Every structure is written in structure tokens, then in C-alpha cells.
Amino acid sequence: MHKTDINARLNKKKFLPPKAMAYQLYRNTTLGNSLQESLDELIQSQQITPQLALQVLLQFDKAINSALAQRVRNRVNFRGSLNTYRFCDNVWTFVLNDVEFREVTELIKVDKVKIVACDGKNTGSNTTE
């Protein structure tokens, strides 16, 4: 089973009750991809079941959303030219060109950046089961 198979199973209603659903954006990060690859290996070697892997991914979604909402306090200012923007399913997506990111003492310039912004108050990351 590959990570796309795990994600496909998560889209079934019995695995994702609406109240407990957290954003799955962070599965495509280095940490999220590593977790999914490890879970795939454990499933292939029959050390865990696919159902347990799904539960681990759901817990990861909740934990990463909660940690980012509660523990990250850094601020970064940025400026660039807006290329495109979209608002769909309560998610904003911005594509900016020639962007400058400024922290207190650092300046980083990039040619293009995509920003995906979700409402952090409606992730379900604070729910308990």
C-alpha cells in the first residue's frame, strides 16, 4: 500500500468524522512524507494493519495542526507581486512573484511562492475522542 492508497482510504466517511477532521496539508511536508513512507513499510512487512496506519495519520493531522496553532509564535513579513489568487472550500491560495520575506535580521528573496491559508479555528484539532 502506498501513501496515496492510505489517503484514499481516509476519504471514506467511516474514517473521517466531520467533527474530528483536521487539515491534511502537512502530509506533503518532509515530516508527513517520511511518516507515510514508514507506515507503508510497516504495512508491507505486516507489522501494522492499514487501519492502524490510518489512525496514525489522523493523529498526525490533529497533532501538527494543534502544535502549529499553539506553539509557533514567530512572525515573518513578506512583500511581492500577486500573480493569482483563489478562494475555494474556505481555503485561500495565493501565488506571488518576486517575493521578499523579512524576519527581524534576515531577508530572503524568492522568484515565486504559493501560499495556502486555511481557517485554523475550524480544523477540529482541539476535539477529543
N, C-alpha and C. Protein backbone atom coordinates (compact mmCIF):
# COMPACT_ATOMS: atom_id res chain seq x y z
N MET A 1 0.85 -1.18 0.00
CA MET A 1 0.00 0.00 0.00
C MET A 1 0.89 1.24 0.00
N HIS A 2 0.62 2.17 -0.89
CA HIS A 2 1.38 3.40 -0.98
C HIS A 2 0.62 4.52 -0.29
N LYS A 3 1.31 5.64 -0.05
CA LYS A 3 0.67 6.72 0.70
C LYS A 3 -0.60 7.21 0.01
N THR A 4 -0.67 7.14 -1.32
CA THR A 4 -1.89 7.54 -1.99
C THR A 4 -3.03 6.59 -1.64
N ASP A 5 -2.72 5.30 -1.44
CA ASP A 5 -3.74 4.35 -1.03
C ASP A 5 -4.23 4.67 0.37
N ILE A 6 -3.32 5.02 1.27
CA ILE A 6 -3.71 5.39 2.64
C ILE A 6 -4.60 6.61 2.60
N ASN A 7 -4.21 7.62 1.81
CA ASN A 7 -5.02 8.84 1.73
C ASN A 7 -6.38 8.56 1.10
N ALA A 8 -6.44 7.67 0.12
CA ALA A 8 -7.72 7.33 -0.50
C ALA A 8 -8.65 6.69 0.52
N ARG A 9 -8.12 5.83 1.38
CA ARG A 9 -8.93 5.20 2.42
C ARG A 9 -9.44 6.24 3.43
N LEU A 10 -8.64 7.27 3.68
CA LEU A 10 -9.05 8.29 4.64
C LEU A 10 -10.25 9.08 4.16
N ASN A 11 -10.45 9.15 2.87
CA ASN A 11 -11.56 9.93 2.34
C ASN A 11 -12.91 9.23 2.51
N LYS A 12 -12.92 7.99 2.97
CA LYS A 12 -14.17 7.30 3.24
C LYS A 12 -14.76 7.87 4.53
N LYS A 13 -16.06 8.07 4.55
CA LYS A 13 -16.69 8.72 5.69
C LYS A 13 -16.47 7.98 7.01
N LYS A 14 -16.36 6.67 7.00
CA LYS A 14 -16.23 5.97 8.26
C LYS A 14 -14.90 6.27 8.96
N PHE A 15 -13.89 6.76 8.21
CA PHE A 15 -12.60 7.08 8.80
C PHE A 15 -12.48 8.56 9.15
N LEU A 16 -13.31 9.41 8.58
CA LEU A 16 -13.18 10.84 8.81
C LEU A 16 -14.50 11.45 9.27
N PRO A 17 -14.80 11.32 10.54
CA PRO A 17 -15.99 12.01 11.02
C PRO A 17 -15.78 13.52 10.91
N PRO A 18 -16.77 14.28 10.42
CA PRO A 18 -16.59 15.71 10.18
C PRO A 18 -16.10 16.50 11.39
N LYS A 19 -16.56 16.18 12.60
CA LYS A 19 -16.16 16.94 13.77
C LYS A 19 -14.68 16.77 14.09
N ALA A 20 -14.12 15.62 13.77
CA ALA A 20 -12.74 15.34 14.18
C ALA A 20 -11.74 15.59 13.05
N MET A 21 -12.21 16.06 11.92
CA MET A 21 -11.32 16.23 10.77
C MET A 21 -10.38 17.41 10.96
N ALA A 22 -9.10 17.18 10.72
CA ALA A 22 -8.09 18.23 10.76
C ALA A 22 -7.54 18.39 9.35
N TYR A 23 -7.00 19.55 9.04
CA TYR A 23 -6.42 19.77 7.73
C TYR A 23 -5.30 18.77 7.46
N GLN A 24 -5.25 18.28 6.24
CA GLN A 24 -4.25 17.30 5.85
C GLN A 24 -3.11 17.92 5.06
N LEU A 25 -3.00 19.24 5.07
CA LEU A 25 -1.97 19.95 4.31
C LEU A 25 -0.55 19.48 4.63
N TYR A 26 -0.32 19.17 5.88
CA TYR A 26 1.05 18.92 6.34
C TYR A 26 1.54 17.51 6.02
N ARG A 27 0.70 16.71 5.41
CA ARG A 27 1.15 15.39 4.96
C ARG A 27 2.14 15.49 3.80
N ASN A 28 2.13 16.60 3.10
CA ASN A 28 3.05 16.78 1.97
C ASN A 28 4.34 17.48 2.39
N THR A 29 4.58 17.60 3.68
CA THR A 29 5.85 18.14 4.17
C THR A 29 6.85 16.99 4.28
N THR A 30 8.09 17.32 4.54
CA THR A 30 9.12 16.29 4.71
C THR A 30 8.73 15.34 5.83
N LEU A 31 8.26 15.88 6.94
CA LEU A 31 7.86 15.06 8.08
C LEU A 31 6.67 14.16 7.73
N GLY A 32 5.66 14.73 7.09
CA GLY A 32 4.48 13.96 6.71
C GLY A 32 4.80 12.86 5.71
N ASN A 33 5.63 13.18 4.71
CA ASN A 33 6.02 12.16 3.72
C ASN A 33 6.82 11.04 4.37
N SER A 34 7.72 11.39 5.28
CA SER A 34 8.52 10.37 5.97
C SER A 34 7.62 9.46 6.80
N LEU A 35 6.65 10.04 7.48
CA LEU A 35 5.72 9.25 8.26
C LEU A 35 4.95 8.28 7.36
N GLN A 36 4.45 8.77 6.23
CA GLN A 36 3.68 7.92 5.33
C GLN A 36 4.54 6.80 4.74
N GLU A 37 5.78 7.10 4.40
CA GLU A 37 6.67 6.07 3.88
C GLU A 37 6.95 5.01 4.94
N SER A 38 7.15 5.44 6.19
CA SER A 38 7.38 4.49 7.28
C SER A 38 6.16 3.61 7.51
N LEU A 39 4.99 4.22 7.49
CA LEU A 39 3.76 3.45 7.66
C LEU A 39 3.58 2.45 6.52
N ASP A 40 3.90 2.87 5.30
CA ASP A 40 3.82 1.96 4.15
C ASP A 40 4.73 0.75 4.35
N GLU A 41 5.94 0.99 4.82
CA GLU A 41 6.88 -0.12 5.06
C GLU A 41 6.34 -1.06 6.13
N LEU A 42 5.78 -0.51 7.20
CA LEU A 42 5.23 -1.34 8.27
C LEU A 42 4.03 -2.16 7.79
N ILE A 43 3.23 -1.57 6.93
CA ILE A 43 2.10 -2.31 6.35
C ILE A 43 2.61 -3.44 5.46
N GLN A 44 3.58 -3.12 4.61
CA GLN A 44 4.13 -4.13 3.69
C GLN A 44 4.76 -5.30 4.43
N SER A 45 5.40 -5.03 5.55
CA SER A 45 6.02 -6.10 6.34
C SER A 45 5.02 -6.72 7.33
N GLN A 46 3.76 -6.31 7.23
CA GLN A 46 2.66 -6.82 8.05
C GLN A 46 2.90 -6.64 9.55
N GLN A 47 3.59 -5.56 9.90
CA GLN A 47 3.80 -5.25 11.32
C GLN A 47 2.65 -4.42 11.89
N ILE A 48 1.94 -3.70 11.01
CA ILE A 48 0.74 -2.98 11.42
C ILE A 48 -0.32 -3.17 10.35
N THR A 49 -1.56 -2.91 10.73
CA THR A 49 -2.66 -3.02 9.77
C THR A 49 -2.86 -1.67 9.07
N PRO A 50 -3.48 -1.69 7.89
CA PRO A 50 -3.81 -0.42 7.23
C PRO A 50 -4.69 0.47 8.10
N GLN A 51 -5.57 -0.14 8.88
CA GLN A 51 -6.44 0.64 9.76
C GLN A 51 -5.64 1.39 10.82
N LEU A 52 -4.61 0.74 11.36
CA LEU A 52 -3.76 1.42 12.34
C LEU A 52 -2.99 2.56 11.68
N ALA A 53 -2.52 2.35 10.47
CA ALA A 53 -1.82 3.41 9.73
C ALA A 53 -2.73 4.62 9.52
N LEU A 54 -4.01 4.35 9.23
CA LEU A 54 -4.97 5.44 9.07
C LEU A 54 -5.15 6.22 10.37
N GLN A 55 -5.22 5.49 11.47
CA GLN A 55 -5.36 6.15 12.77
C GLN A 55 -4.13 7.00 13.09
N VAL A 56 -2.95 6.51 12.75
CA VAL A 56 -1.71 7.26 12.98
C VAL A 56 -1.73 8.55 12.15
N LEU A 57 -2.14 8.46 10.89
CA LEU A 57 -2.19 9.65 10.04
C LEU A 57 -3.20 10.67 10.55
N LEU A 58 -4.34 10.19 11.01
CA LEU A 58 -5.33 11.11 11.57
C LEU A 58 -4.79 11.81 12.82
N GLN A 59 -4.08 11.07 13.66
CA GLN A 59 -3.49 11.67 14.85
C GLN A 59 -2.41 12.67 14.47
N PHE A 60 -1.62 12.35 13.44
CA PHE A 60 -0.60 13.29 12.94
C PHE A 60 -1.27 14.57 12.49
N ASP A 61 -2.36 14.47 11.73
CA ASP A 61 -3.07 15.66 11.26
C ASP A 61 -3.49 16.54 12.42
N LYS A 62 -4.09 15.92 13.44
CA LYS A 62 -4.55 16.68 14.60
C LYS A 62 -3.38 17.31 15.35
N ALA A 63 -2.33 16.52 15.56
CA ALA A 63 -1.19 16.99 16.36
C ALA A 63 -0.44 18.12 15.67
N ILE A 64 -0.19 18.01 14.38
CA ILE A 64 0.58 19.05 13.67
C ILE A 64 -0.23 20.34 13.60
N ASN A 65 -1.53 20.24 13.35
CA ASN A 65 -2.37 21.43 13.33
C ASN A 65 -2.41 22.10 14.70
N SER A 66 -2.55 21.32 15.73
CA SER A 66 -2.61 21.86 17.08
C SER A 66 -1.28 22.50 17.47
N ALA A 67 -0.17 21.82 17.19
CA ALA A 67 1.15 22.35 17.55
C ALA A 67 1.44 23.66 16.84
N LEU A 68 1.12 23.72 15.55
CA LEU A 68 1.38 24.96 14.81
C LEU A 68 0.49 26.10 15.32
N ALA A 69 -0.73 25.78 15.68
CA ALA A 69 -1.65 26.82 16.17
C ALA A 69 -1.25 27.33 17.55
N GLN A 70 -0.72 26.46 18.40
CA GLN A 70 -0.48 26.83 19.79
C GLN A 70 0.97 27.18 20.11
N ARG A 71 1.92 26.64 19.38
CA ARG A 71 3.32 26.78 19.78
C ARG A 71 4.15 27.74 18.93
N VAL A 72 3.76 27.97 17.71
CA VAL A 72 4.56 28.82 16.83
C VAL A 72 4.17 30.27 17.05
N ARG A 73 5.14 31.08 17.39
CA ARG A 73 4.89 32.49 17.67
C ARG A 73 5.70 33.43 16.78
N ASN A 74 6.54 32.90 15.92
CA ASN A 74 7.36 33.74 15.05
C ASN A 74 6.50 34.45 14.01
N ARG A 75 6.93 35.63 13.65
CA ARG A 75 6.25 36.38 12.60
C ARG A 75 7.24 36.72 11.50
N VAL A 76 6.75 36.63 10.28
CA VAL A 76 7.55 36.97 9.12
C VAL A 76 6.71 37.89 8.25
N ASN A 77 7.31 38.98 7.80
CA ASN A 77 6.64 39.88 6.87
C ASN A 77 7.09 39.53 5.46
N PHE A 78 6.19 39.67 4.50
CA PHE A 78 6.57 39.41 3.12
C PHE A 78 5.89 40.40 2.20
N ARG A 79 6.53 40.60 1.04
CA ARG A 79 6.04 41.53 0.04
C ARG A 79 6.35 40.94 -1.33
N GLY A 80 5.39 41.03 -2.23
CA GLY A 80 5.61 40.53 -3.58
C GLY A 80 4.49 40.97 -4.50
N SER A 81 4.56 40.51 -5.74
CA SER A 81 3.53 40.83 -6.73
C SER A 81 2.56 39.66 -6.82
N LEU A 82 1.28 39.97 -6.68
CA LEU A 82 0.26 38.93 -6.72
C LEU A 82 0.08 38.45 -8.16
N ASN A 83 0.29 37.16 -8.37
CA ASN A 83 0.10 36.56 -9.68
C ASN A 83 -1.33 36.06 -9.81
N THR A 84 -1.74 35.16 -8.91
CA THR A 84 -3.11 34.64 -8.91
C THR A 84 -3.57 34.43 -7.48
N TYR A 85 -4.88 34.37 -7.32
CA TYR A 85 -5.46 34.04 -6.03
C TYR A 85 -6.75 33.26 -6.25
N ARG A 86 -7.13 32.48 -5.24
CA ARG A 86 -8.33 31.65 -5.34
C ARG A 86 -8.87 31.43 -3.93
N PHE A 87 -10.20 31.39 -3.83
CA PHE A 87 -10.85 31.04 -2.57
C PHE A 87 -11.86 29.95 -2.86
N CYS A 88 -11.60 28.75 -2.34
CA CYS A 88 -12.46 27.61 -2.60
C CYS A 88 -12.52 26.74 -1.36
N ASP A 89 -13.71 26.32 -0.98
CA ASP A 89 -13.92 25.46 0.19
C ASP A 89 -13.26 26.04 1.44
N ASN A 90 -13.40 27.34 1.62
CA ASN A 90 -12.87 28.03 2.80
C ASN A 90 -11.35 28.00 2.89
N VAL A 91 -10.68 27.87 1.75
CA VAL A 91 -9.22 27.85 1.69
C VAL A 91 -8.77 28.89 0.67
N TRP A 92 -7.88 29.78 1.09
CA TRP A 92 -7.28 30.76 0.20
C TRP A 92 -5.98 30.20 -0.37
N THR A 93 -5.76 30.42 -1.66
CA THR A 93 -4.50 30.06 -2.31
C THR A 93 -3.99 31.30 -3.05
N PHE A 94 -2.76 31.69 -2.75
CA PHE A 94 -2.13 32.84 -3.39
C PHE A 94 -0.85 32.39 -4.07
N VAL A 95 -0.60 32.90 -5.27
CA VAL A 95 0.69 32.70 -5.93
C VAL A 95 1.30 34.08 -6.12
N LEU A 96 2.49 34.28 -5.56
CA LEU A 96 3.17 35.58 -5.60
C LEU A 96 4.48 35.45 -6.36
N ASN A 97 4.86 36.51 -7.06
CA ASN A 97 6.14 36.57 -7.77
C ASN A 97 7.05 37.58 -7.10
N ASP A 98 8.36 37.39 -7.25
CA ASP A 98 9.38 38.31 -6.72
C ASP A 98 9.09 38.68 -5.26
N VAL A 99 9.15 37.70 -4.41
CA VAL A 99 8.75 37.86 -3.02
C VAL A 99 9.96 38.05 -2.12
N GLU A 100 9.82 38.97 -1.18
CA GLU A 100 10.83 39.19 -0.14
C GLU A 100 10.22 38.82 1.21
N PHE A 101 10.88 37.90 1.92
CA PHE A 101 10.48 37.53 3.27
C PHE A 101 11.44 38.21 4.23
N ARG A 102 10.87 38.91 5.23
CA ARG A 102 11.70 39.61 6.23
C ARG A 102 11.36 39.14 7.63
N GLU A 103 12.43 38.71 8.31
CA GLU A 103 12.32 38.48 9.74
C GLU A 103 13.11 39.62 10.37
N VAL A 104 13.34 39.60 11.63
CA VAL A 104 14.00 40.72 12.30
C VAL A 104 15.32 41.08 11.63
N THR A 105 16.21 40.11 11.44
CA THR A 105 17.53 40.40 10.90
C THR A 105 17.80 39.75 9.54
N GLU A 106 16.84 39.01 9.02
CA GLU A 106 17.06 38.27 7.78
C GLU A 106 16.16 38.73 6.66
N LEU A 107 16.69 38.66 5.43
CA LEU A 107 15.92 38.95 4.23
C LEU A 107 16.16 37.81 3.24
N ILE A 108 15.08 37.21 2.78
CA ILE A 108 15.17 36.13 1.81
C ILE A 108 14.32 36.51 0.60
N LYS A 109 14.89 36.38 -0.60
CA LYS A 109 14.18 36.70 -1.84
C LYS A 109 13.96 35.42 -2.64
N VAL A 110 12.74 35.25 -3.15
CA VAL A 110 12.40 34.11 -3.99
C VAL A 110 11.65 34.61 -5.22
N ASP A 111 11.77 33.84 -6.31
CA ASP A 111 11.10 34.22 -7.55
C ASP A 111 9.59 34.01 -7.49
N LYS A 112 9.18 32.89 -6.88
CA LYS A 112 7.76 32.55 -6.87
C LYS A 112 7.45 31.76 -5.60
N VAL A 113 6.28 32.01 -5.01
CA VAL A 113 5.85 31.27 -3.83
C VAL A 113 4.34 31.06 -3.89
N LYS A 114 3.92 29.90 -3.41
CA LYS A 114 2.50 29.58 -3.31
C LYS A 114 2.16 29.51 -1.82
N ILE A 115 1.14 30.24 -1.42
CA ILE A 115 0.70 30.27 -0.03
C ILE A 115 -0.72 29.70 0.03
N VAL A 116 -0.91 28.71 0.89
CA VAL A 116 -2.23 28.12 1.11
C VAL A 116 -2.61 28.46 2.55
N ALA A 117 -3.74 29.15 2.70
CA ALA A 117 -4.16 29.61 4.03
C ALA A 117 -5.54 29.05 4.35
N CYS A 118 -5.63 28.38 5.51
CA CYS A 118 -6.87 27.77 5.97
C CYS A 118 -7.27 28.40 7.30
N ASP A 119 -8.54 28.33 7.61
CA ASP A 119 -9.04 28.84 8.88
C ASP A 119 -8.60 27.89 9.99
N GLY A 120 -7.66 28.31 10.81
CA GLY A 120 -7.12 27.47 11.87
C GLY A 120 -8.10 27.21 12.99
N LYS A 121 -9.18 27.96 13.07
CA LYS A 121 -10.15 27.78 14.15
C LYS A 121 -11.13 26.65 13.87
N ASN A 122 -11.21 26.21 12.62
CA ASN A 122 -12.19 25.18 12.26
C ASN A 122 -11.55 23.87 11.85
N THR A 123 -10.37 23.56 12.34
CA THR A 123 -9.68 22.34 11.92
C THR A 123 -10.11 21.12 12.69
N GLY A 124 -10.75 21.28 13.81
CA GLY A 124 -11.11 20.14 14.64
C GLY A 124 -9.93 19.63 15.44
N SER A 125 -8.80 20.34 15.42
CA SER A 125 -7.60 19.87 16.10
C SER A 125 -7.73 19.90 17.61
N ASN A 126 -8.73 20.62 18.12
CA ASN A 126 -8.90 20.68 19.57
C ASN A 126 -9.96 19.71 20.07
N THR A 127 -10.52 18.89 19.17
CA THR A 127 -11.54 17.96 19.60
C THR A 127 -10.92 16.74 20.23
N THR A 128 -11.67 16.10 21.10
CA THR A 128 -11.19 14.88 21.72
C THR A 128 -12.14 13.74 21.37
N GLU A 129 -11.59 12.55 21.32
CA GLU A 129 -12.43 11.38 21.00
C GLU A 129 -12.37 10.41 22.13
